[in-house]
Every structure is written in structure tokens, then in C-alpha cells.
C-alpha atoms as a PDB file:
ATOM      1  CA  MET A   1     104.203 129.678 109.942  1.00  0.00           C
ATOM      2  CA  THR A   2     107.412 127.982 111.312  1.00  0.00           C
ATOM      3  CA  GLY A   3     107.173 124.207 110.587  1.00  0.00           C
ATOM      4  CA  ILE A   4     103.670 123.675 109.473  1.00  0.00           C
ATOM      5  CA  SER A   5     102.997 121.007 106.574  1.00  0.00           C
ATOM      6  CA  ILE A   6      99.993 121.460 104.550  1.00  0.00           C
ATOM      7  CA  ALA A   7      98.870 118.703 102.134  1.00  0.00           C
ATOM      8  CA  ILE A   8      96.531 118.775  99.666  1.00  0.00           C
ATOM      9  CA  ASP A   9      95.150 115.467  97.077  1.00  0.00           C
ATOM     10  CA  GLY A  10      92.745 114.775  94.640  1.00  0.00           C
ATOM     11  CA  PRO A  11      92.687 113.593  91.075  1.00  0.00           C
ATOM     12  CA  ALA A  12      94.517 114.696  88.267  1.00  0.00           C
ATOM     13  CA  GLY A  13      92.783 118.284  86.255  1.00  0.00           C
ATOM     14  CA  THR A  14      92.168 119.733  90.078  1.00  0.00           C
ATOM     15  CA  GLY A  15      94.505 122.566  89.988  1.00  0.00           C
ATOM     16  CA  LYS A  16      96.274 121.312  92.934  1.00  0.00           C
ATOM     17  CA  SER A  17      99.473 121.249  91.595  1.00  0.00           C
ATOM     18  CA  THR A  18      98.723 125.242  90.350  1.00  0.00           C
ATOM     19  CA  VAL A  19      97.641 125.841  93.924  1.00  0.00           C
ATOM     20  CA  ALA A  20      99.837 124.329  96.252  1.00  0.00           C
ATOM     21  CA  ARG A  21     102.529 125.434  94.874  1.00  0.00           C
ATOM     22  CA  GLU A  22     100.997 129.378  94.578  1.00  0.00           C
ATOM     23  CA  VAL A  23     100.277 128.840  98.450  1.00  0.00           C
ATOM     24  CA  ALA A  24     104.016 127.640  99.105  1.00  0.00           C
ATOM     25  CA  ARG A  25     105.302 130.905  96.911  1.00  0.00           C
ATOM     26  CA  ARG A  26     102.757 133.083  99.222  1.00  0.00           C
ATOM     27  CA  LEU A  27     103.577 131.497 102.575  1.00  0.00           C
ATOM     28  CA  ARG A  28     107.540 131.089 102.135  1.00  0.00           C
ATOM     29  CA  LEU A  29     107.458 127.291 102.372  1.00  0.00           C
ATOM     30  CA  ALA A  30     108.664 124.715 100.307  1.00  0.00           C
ATOM     31  CA  TYR A  31     106.602 122.892  97.293  1.00  0.00           C
ATOM     32  CA  PHE A  32     106.451 119.120  96.990  1.00  0.00           C
ATOM     33  CA  ASP A  33     104.659 117.560  94.022  1.00  0.00           C
ATOM     34  CA  THR A  34     105.039 113.978  95.079  1.00  0.00           C
ATOM     35  CA  GLY A  35     104.014 113.016  91.992  1.00  0.00           C
ATOM     36  CA  ALA A  36     107.155 114.198  90.507  1.00  0.00           C
ATOM     37  CA  THR A  37     108.902 111.237  92.155  1.00  0.00           C
ATOM     38  CA  TYR A  38     106.515 108.271  90.433  1.00  0.00           C
ATOM     39  CA  ARG A  39     107.223 110.591  87.186  1.00  0.00           C
ATOM     40  CA  VAL A  40     111.146 110.589  87.790  1.00  0.00           C
ATOM     41  CA  ALA A  41     111.324 106.921  88.467  1.00  0.00           C
ATOM     42  CA  THR A  42     109.356 105.882  85.479  1.00  0.00           C
ATOM     43  CA  LEU A  43     111.978 107.935  83.190  1.00  0.00           C
ATOM     44  CA  TRP A  44     114.696 106.234  85.162  1.00  0.00           C
ATOM     45  CA  CYS A  45     113.204 102.811  84.266  1.00  0.00           C
ATOM     46  CA  MET A  46     112.373 103.363  81.129  1.00  0.00           C
ATOM     47  CA  ARG A  47     115.805 104.941  80.085  1.00  0.00           C
ATOM     48  CA  GLU A  48     117.536 101.848  81.388  1.00  0.00           C
ATOM     49  CA  GLY A  49     115.058  99.676  79.568  1.00  0.00           C
ATOM     50  CA  VAL A  50     113.437  97.950  82.884  1.00  0.00           C
ATOM     51  CA  ASP A  51     110.597  95.685  82.356  1.00  0.00           C
ATOM     52  CA  LEU A  52     107.990  97.543  84.247  1.00  0.00           C
ATOM     53  CA  ALA A  53     105.723  94.404  84.892  1.00  0.00           C
ATOM     54  CA  ASN A  54     108.710  93.250  87.160  1.00  0.00           C
ATOM     55  CA  GLN A  55     108.253  94.435  90.375  1.00  0.00           C
ATOM     56  CA  ASP A  56     111.861  93.360  91.848  1.00  0.00           C
ATOM     57  CA  ASP A  57     113.483  95.158  89.329  1.00  0.00           C
ATOM     58  CA  VAL A  58     111.734  98.371  89.182  1.00  0.00           C
ATOM     59  CA  THR A  59     111.810  98.722  93.384  1.00  0.00           C
ATOM     60  CA  ALA A  60     115.528  98.346  93.182  1.00  0.00           C
ATOM     61  CA  MET A  61     115.894 100.818  90.444  1.00  0.00           C
ATOM     62  CA  VAL A  62     113.545 103.346  92.524  1.00  0.00           C
ATOM     63  CA  GLU A  63     115.957 102.566  95.699  1.00  0.00           C
ATOM     64  CA  THR A  64     118.908 103.473  93.794  1.00  0.00           C
ATOM     65  CA  MET A  65     118.457 106.065  91.595  1.00  0.00           C
ATOM     66  CA  ASN A  66     120.588 109.397  92.213  1.00  0.00           C
ATOM     67  CA  VAL A  67     117.757 112.078  91.905  1.00  0.00           C
ATOM     68  CA  ARG A  68     117.721 115.674  93.902  1.00  0.00           C
ATOM     69  CA  LEU A  69     114.481 117.967  94.229  1.00  0.00           C
ATOM     70  CA  VAL A  70     114.657 121.197  94.156  1.00  0.00           C
ATOM     71  CA  LEU A  71     111.551 122.366  96.389  1.00  0.00           C
ATOM     72  CA  ASP A  72     111.666 125.985  95.480  1.00  0.00           C
ATOM     73  CA  PRO A  73     108.114 127.210  94.712  1.00  0.00           C
ATOM     74  CA  ARG A  74     109.137 129.605  92.230  1.00  0.00           C
ATOM     75  CA  ASN A  75     111.217 127.120  90.416  1.00  0.00           C
ATOM     76  CA  PRO A  76     110.923 123.402  91.516  1.00  0.00           C
ATOM     77  CA  ARG A  77     112.936 121.182  89.916  1.00  0.00           C
ATOM     78  CA  VAL A  78     113.944 117.476  88.948  1.00  0.00           C
ATOM     79  CA  VAL A  79     117.260 116.554  89.250  1.00  0.00           C
ATOM     80  CA  LEU A  80     118.130 112.612  87.864  1.00  0.00           C
ATOM     81  CA  GLU A  81     122.028 111.867  87.882  1.00  0.00           C
ATOM     82  CA  ASP A  82     122.889 115.912  87.339  1.00  0.00           C
ATOM     83  CA  GLU A  83     120.456 116.170  84.554  1.00  0.00           C
ATOM     84  CA  ASP A  84     117.199 118.402  85.021  1.00  0.00           C
ATOM     85  CA  VAL A  85     114.460 116.487  83.569  1.00  0.00           C
ATOM     86  CA  SER A  86     111.842 118.846  84.949  1.00  0.00           C
ATOM     87  CA  SER A  87     110.376 118.932  81.853  1.00  0.00           C
ATOM     88  CA  LEU A  88     110.981 115.289  80.691  1.00  0.00           C
ATOM     89  CA  ILE A  89     108.912 114.003  83.238  1.00  0.00           C
ATOM     90  CA  ARG A  90     105.754 115.835  82.093  1.00  0.00           C
ATOM     91  CA  THR A  91     106.029 114.206  78.850  1.00  0.00           C
ATOM     92  CA  ASP A  92     102.879 111.920  77.220  1.00  0.00           C
ATOM     93  CA  SER A  93     105.470 109.110  77.322  1.00  0.00           C
ATOM     94  CA  VAL A  94     106.037 109.040  80.844  1.00  0.00           C
ATOM     95  CA  ALA A  95     102.081 110.085  81.610  1.00  0.00           C
ATOM     96  CA  LEU A  96     100.759 107.492  79.814  1.00  0.00           C
ATOM     97  CA  THR A  97     103.306 104.739  81.779  1.00  0.00           C
ATOM     98  CA  VAL A  98     103.516 106.434  85.296  1.00  0.00           C
ATOM     99  CA  SER A  99     100.730 104.193  86.764  1.00  0.00           C
ATOM    100  CA  LYS A 100     102.429 101.017  86.001  1.00  0.00           C
ATOM    101  CA  VAL A 101     105.187 102.654  88.697  1.00  0.00           C
ATOM    102  CA  ALA A 102     102.927 103.682  90.952  1.00  0.00           C
ATOM    103  CA  THR A 103     100.588 101.011  91.037  1.00  0.00           C
ATOM    104  CA  ASN A 104     103.689  98.367  91.941  1.00  0.00           C
ATOM    105  CA  LEU A 105     102.977  98.242  95.710  1.00  0.00           C
ATOM    106  CA  GLU A 106     106.812  97.476  96.291  1.00  0.00           C
ATOM    107  CA  ALA A 107     108.110 100.630  94.723  1.00  0.00           C
ATOM    108  CA  ARG A 108     105.387 102.555  96.102  1.00  0.00           C
ATOM    109  CA  ALA A 109     106.140 102.106  99.449  1.00  0.00           C
ATOM    110  CA  ALA A 110     109.682 102.856  98.358  1.00  0.00           C
ATOM    111  CA  LEU A 111     109.026 105.995  96.979  1.00  0.00           C
ATOM    112  CA  GLY A 112     106.697 106.748 100.045  1.00  0.00           C
ATOM    113  CA  ARG A 113     109.236 106.689 102.458  1.00  0.00           C
ATOM    114  CA  TRP A 114     111.518 108.950 100.671  1.00  0.00           C
ATOM    115  CA  GLN A 115     108.339 111.356 100.320  1.00  0.00           C
ATOM    116  CA  ARG A 116     107.848 111.176 104.422  1.00  0.00           C
ATOM    117  CA  GLU A 117     111.469 112.105 105.299  1.00  0.00           C
ATOM    118  CA  ILE A 118     111.322 115.281 102.853  1.00  0.00           C
ATOM    119  CA  ILE A 119     108.601 116.436 104.495  1.00  0.00           C
ATOM    120  CA  ALA A 120     109.909 115.773 107.805  1.00  0.00           C
ATOM    121  CA  SER A 121     113.226 117.089 106.812  1.00  0.00           C
ATOM    122  CA  GLU A 122     111.316 120.439 105.938  1.00  0.00           C
ATOM    123  CA  VAL A 123     109.147 120.386 108.393  1.00  0.00           C
ATOM    124  CA  ALA A 124     112.269 120.692 110.893  1.00  0.00           C
ATOM    125  CA  GLY A 125     113.867 123.506 108.749  1.00  0.00           C
ATOM    126  CA  GLY A 126     116.268 120.839 107.316  1.00  0.00           C
ATOM    127  CA  SER A 127     116.610 123.520 103.981  1.00  0.00           C
ATOM    128  CA  SER A 128     117.245 126.991 102.720  1.00  0.00           C
ATOM    129  CA  GLU A 129     113.408 127.079 103.074  1.00  0.00           C
ATOM    130  CA  GLY A 130     113.003 126.250 106.683  1.00  0.00           C
ATOM    131  CA  ARG A 131     109.413 127.057 107.732  1.00  0.00           C
ATOM    132  CA  GLY A 132     107.506 124.216 106.314  1.00  0.00           C
ATOM    133  CA  ILE A 133     106.213 122.952 103.551  1.00  0.00           C
ATOM    134  CA  VAL A 134     103.470 122.404 101.201  1.00  0.00           C
ATOM    135  CA  SER A 135     102.982 118.568  99.849  1.00  0.00           C
ATOM    136  CA  GLU A 136     100.773 117.787  96.920  1.00  0.00           C
ATOM    137  CA  GLY A 137      99.605 114.374  95.775  1.00  0.00           C
ATOM    138  CA  ARG A 138      97.090 111.336  95.730  1.00  0.00           C
ATOM    139  CA  ASP A 139      97.986 109.583  98.665  1.00  0.00           C
ATOM    140  CA  ILE A 140      99.504 112.839 100.945  1.00  0.00           C
ATOM    141  CA  THR A 141      96.382 113.032 102.943  1.00  0.00           C
ATOM    142  CA  THR A 142      96.195 109.799 103.978  1.00  0.00           C
ATOM    143  CA  VAL A 143      99.158 107.864 103.625  1.00  0.00           C
ATOM    144  CA  ILE A 144     102.328 110.432 103.477  1.00  0.00           C
ATOM    145  CA  ALA A 145     101.168 112.670 105.578  1.00  0.00           C
ATOM    146  CA  PRO A 146      98.165 111.921 107.664  1.00  0.00           C
ATOM    147  CA  ASP A 147      99.259 114.148 110.428  1.00  0.00           C
ATOM    148  CA  ALA A 148     100.053 117.415 108.597  1.00  0.00           C
ATOM    149  CA  ASP A 149      98.509 120.494 110.010  1.00  0.00           C
ATOM    150  CA  VAL A 150      96.454 121.253 107.190  1.00  0.00           C
ATOM    151  CA  ARG A 151      95.066 118.546 104.865  1.00  0.00           C
ATOM    152  CA  ILE A 152      92.620 118.845 102.202  1.00  0.00           C
ATOM    153  CA  LEU A 153      91.127 117.180  98.965  1.00  0.00           C
ATOM    154  CA  MET A 154      90.800 119.158  95.946  1.00  0.00           C
ATOM    155  CA  THR A 155      87.833 117.810  93.811  1.00  0.00           C
ATOM    156  CA  ALA A 156      86.332 119.038  90.286  1.00  0.00           C
ATOM    157  CA  ASP A 157      83.843 117.893  87.764  1.00  0.00           C
ATOM    158  CA  GLU A 158      85.469 115.010  85.435  1.00  0.00           C
ATOM    159  CA  GLU A 159      84.976 117.031  82.521  1.00  0.00           C
ATOM    160  CA  ILE A 160      86.196 120.038  83.579  1.00  0.00           C
ATOM    161  CA  ARG A 161      89.342 118.494  84.865  1.00  0.00           C
ATOM    162  CA  VAL A 162      89.893 116.908  80.896  1.00  0.00           C
ATOM    163  CA  ALA A 163      89.067 120.386  79.437  1.00  0.00           C
ATOM    164  CA  ARG A 164      91.740 122.116  81.757  1.00  0.00           C
ATOM    165  CA  ARG A 165      94.429 119.593  80.740  1.00  0.00           C
ATOM    166  CA  ALA A 166      93.163 119.430  76.987  1.00  0.00           C
ATOM    167  CA  GLY A 167      93.259 123.350  76.903  1.00  0.00           C
ATOM    168  CA  GLU A 168      96.991 123.425  77.584  1.00  0.00           C
ATOM    169  CA  GLY A 169      97.042 122.277  73.648  1.00  0.00           C
ATOM    170  CA  ALA A 170      97.611 118.343  73.830  1.00  0.00           C
ATOM    171  CA  ASP A 171      95.470 116.037  72.078  1.00  0.00           C
ATOM    172  CA  LEU A 172      92.104 115.759  73.768  1.00  0.00           C
ATOM    173  CA  ALA A 173      92.230 111.562  73.427  1.00  0.00           C
ATOM    174  CA  THR A 174      95.662 111.604  75.144  1.00  0.00           C
ATOM    175  CA  VAL A 175      94.410 113.560  77.365  1.00  0.00           C
ATOM    176  CA  ARG A 176      91.754 111.807  78.807  1.00  0.00           C
ATOM    177  CA  GLU A 177      93.382 108.777  78.868  1.00  0.00           C
ATOM    178  CA  ALA A 178      96.537 110.255  81.083  1.00  0.00           C
ATOM    179  CA  VAL A 179      93.574 112.043  82.906  1.00  0.00           C
ATOM    180  CA  LEU A 180      90.652 109.635  83.689  1.00  0.00           C
ATOM    181  CA  GLY A 181      92.827 106.772  82.866  1.00  0.00           C
ATOM    182  CA  ARG A 182      95.684 106.986  85.220  1.00  0.00           C
ATOM    183  CA  ASP A 183      92.502 108.033  87.985  1.00  0.00           C
ATOM    184  CA  ARG A 184      91.079 104.639  87.361  1.00  0.00           C
ATOM    185  CA  LYS A 185      94.727 102.531  87.732  1.00  0.00           C
ATOM    186  CA  ASP A 186      96.039 104.576  90.344  1.00  0.00           C
ATOM    187  CA  ALA A 187      92.647 104.067  92.234  1.00  0.00           C
ATOM    188  CA  THR A 188      93.370 100.547  92.519  1.00  0.00           C
ATOM    189  CA  VAL A 189      96.074 101.540  95.549  1.00  0.00           C
ATOM    190  CA  VAL A 190      95.028 104.399  97.048  1.00  0.00           C
ATOM    191  CA  SER A 191      91.724 106.462  97.426  1.00  0.00           C
ATOM    192  CA  PHE A 192      91.655 109.874  96.433  1.00  0.00           C
ATOM    193  CA  HIS A 193      88.197 110.517  95.473  1.00  0.00           C
ATOM    194  CA  THR A 194      86.850 110.844  98.804  1.00  0.00           C
ATOM    195  CA  ALA A 195      88.010 113.039 101.969  1.00  0.00           C
ATOM    196  CA  ALA A 196      89.197 110.849 104.849  1.00  0.00           C
ATOM    197  CA  ASP A 197      88.003 112.215 108.358  1.00  0.00           C
ATOM    198  CA  GLY A 198      89.576 115.768 109.190  1.00  0.00           C
ATOM    199  CA  VAL A 199      90.158 116.431 105.491  1.00  0.00           C
ATOM    200  CA  HIS A 200      89.070 119.480 104.281  1.00  0.00           C
ATOM    201  CA  THR A 201      87.368 119.277 100.570  1.00  0.00           C
ATOM    202  CA  LEU A 202      87.521 121.920  98.403  1.00  0.00           C
ATOM    203  CA  ASP A 203      85.712 121.675  95.185  1.00  0.00           C
ATOM    204  CA  THR A 204      87.503 123.833  92.199  1.00  0.00           C
ATOM    205  CA  SER A 205      85.074 123.569  89.510  1.00  0.00           C
ATOM    206  CA  ASP A 206      83.863 126.853  89.390  1.00  0.00           C
ATOM    207  CA  LEU A 207      86.819 128.453  90.942  1.00  0.00           C
ATOM    208  CA  THR A 208      89.447 130.570  89.630  1.00  0.00           C
ATOM    209  CA  ILE A 209      93.105 130.012  90.695  1.00  0.00           C
ATOM    210  CA  GLU A 210      92.792 133.018  92.815  1.00  0.00           C
ATOM    211  CA  GLU A 211      89.671 131.996  94.529  1.00  0.00           C
ATOM    212  CA  ALA A 212      91.082 128.250  95.137  1.00  0.00           C
ATOM    213  CA  VAL A 213      94.269 130.055  96.429  1.00  0.00           C
ATOM    214  CA  GLN A 214      92.825 131.754  98.598  1.00  0.00           C
ATOM    215  CA  ALA A 215      90.287 129.249 100.050  1.00  0.00           C
ATOM    216  CA  VAL A 216      93.319 127.335 101.116  1.00  0.00           C
ATOM    217  CA  LEU A 217      94.927 130.275 102.635  1.00  0.00           C
ATOM    218  CA  ASP A 218      91.839 130.916 104.645  1.00  0.00           C
ATOM    219  CA  LEU A 219      91.623 127.259 106.025  1.00  0.00           C
ATOM    220  CA  VAL A 220      95.107 127.481 107.099  1.00  0.00           C
ATOM    221  CA  THR A 221      94.067 130.476 108.816  1.00  0.00           C
ATOM    222  CA  GLU A 222      91.362 128.799 110.266  1.00  0.00           C
ATOM    223  CA  VAL A 223      93.511 125.803 111.625  1.00  0.00           C
ATOM    224  CA  ARG A 224      96.684 127.453 112.689  1.00  0.00           C
ATOM    225  CA  GLY A 225      95.062 130.879 113.593  1.00  0.00           C
ATOM    226  CA  ASP A 226      97.917 132.603 111.720  1.00  0.00           C
ATOM    227  CA  ASP A 227      97.504 135.526 109.803  1.00  0.00           C
ATOM    228  CA  ALA A 228      97.823 133.311 106.707  1.00  0.00           C
ATOM    229  CA  GLY A 229      95.733 134.949 104.330  1.00  0.00           C
ATOM    230  CA  GLU A 230      98.227 138.209 104.287  1.00  0.00           C
ATOM    231  CA  GLY A 231     100.092 136.321 101.705  1.00  0.00           C
ATOM    232  CA  GLY A 232     101.874 138.110  98.861  1.00  0.00           C
ATOM    233  CA  ALA A 233      99.968 138.990  95.818  1.00  0.00           C
ATOM    234  CA  SER A 234      99.699 136.362  93.138  1.00  0.00           C
ATOM    235  CA  SER A 235     101.666 136.363  90.166  1.00  0.00           C
ATOM    236  CA  LEU A 236      99.096 134.502  88.498  1.00  0.00           C
ATOM    237  CA  GLU A 237      96.929 136.281  85.894  1.00  0.00           C
ATOM    238  CA  GLU A 238      94.804 132.996  84.173  1.00  0.00           C
ATOM    239  CA  PRO A 239      91.608 133.671  84.855  1.00  0.00           C
ATOM    240  CA  GLY A 240      90.796 129.776  85.605  1.00  0.00           C
ATOM    241  CA  ILE A 241      92.597 126.870  87.307  1.00  0.00           C
ATOM    242  CA  GLU A 242      94.677 124.748  84.987  1.00  0.00           C
END
């Protein structure tokens, strides 16, 4: 599996983060949630009082923020100015604001360059993982890693996606806006509902976590001819994708 690049994209609530992280764990690859780069940039701008409508100011903040990403699938972390903000970037306030950064084309381009550098480094064996990377995000298969060895578009029924996020204990109205509202906004700058040429579609509407993970492993085996399906046993016990 040395040097493999696996890219998974799709709308919110399809299970791409859960599945990508578990696939990375089993194959002993780095795990990269590219969405975290937009979230941490949003948090940084909010903290610094930057006007998110000012594209130049937001881009300047993105290009100068001091962020370190830990790509260990067992414990991925985002460190901003030496502070672990992994939980803070998942709050409702960030979730409902992140599209203002994600739809800023200048900031998006800057973050995209950073994302490509991270992926290239992992594919080349630049970290302790050194075997490759599983990356996930809305434009990962088309814009950021179009040359990945395995590219997957993960989809699911709209109501199922909302229900999965609501099942995590959040307010339903807030969840619906965070999931579907962000999809609508982000769709203005990137396509993540239809698979591009060479991208495999995986509908997770009726799949458990284990079934979705195995489907990805089977596809990796098919594409690479490696024994990817023999990864370690899953540590996940939930009956369905979250």
C-alpha cells in the first residue's frame, strides 16, 4: 500500500468522514479531513474579528494562520497557535459560518494549495505514517486530488443524511441548516453531488459502517490489486453510519 492516495468526497451526512478514517486506520495510512482546514480557518477569522465578507482579509488570514494537523486516524487533531481546537471547529457556530470561507474563491485556492502539499507529502512518505493517505472533502476527487489512485463519491438520501446528524443529539433545525444549507452554499463553487469521470459512486443510504468500509476496501483491492480487504478488525460498534 506504499504511496497510495485514496480520495473520498460527497455531501454532508453520507458517512465519508467515519468511513475514510476507518479505512485509513485499517490500512495504516494517514487520514486527512480537508474540511477541517476550512473549519479552522473560519474559527481563526472569527476569533480575530475578521469581516468574513472581505475576501482579501479572509485570504490573508488563511495564508498566515499557524496550524498543525495531526493525521493519525486513531486520533486526528487540529492545532491552532499551539492550542488543540479539534472540538471547537465542530461547534454549531463554526458549522453555520464555514461556508463564508469555503465559498471565498481566493481563500479556497489558498487552502487548496495547502491540501495538495499535505497529500503529496504523505504519498511521498513524508510523515511517520509514510504509506499514503486517505483524504476526504467536497472537492477532493475533482480539484484537490484528481490523480488519486482510488476516487469515490459517497452519496445518501437527503433525509437520511439529516437524520444521521440529528441522531448525534443536536437540534434538528440547526442540523438541517448545517447539512443542507451548507450543501446549497458550497454547491455554488464546487460539484460534489455527481461523480466525475473515473470516480466510483457509493450510496451509503442502506449501509452500515462496516458495509461501507468494506465496500471501499474492496474497491481499493480491485483498483490496486493489493490485499486491502484483509485490514484489521473494525473498532466501530455502531450499527449504522453517522
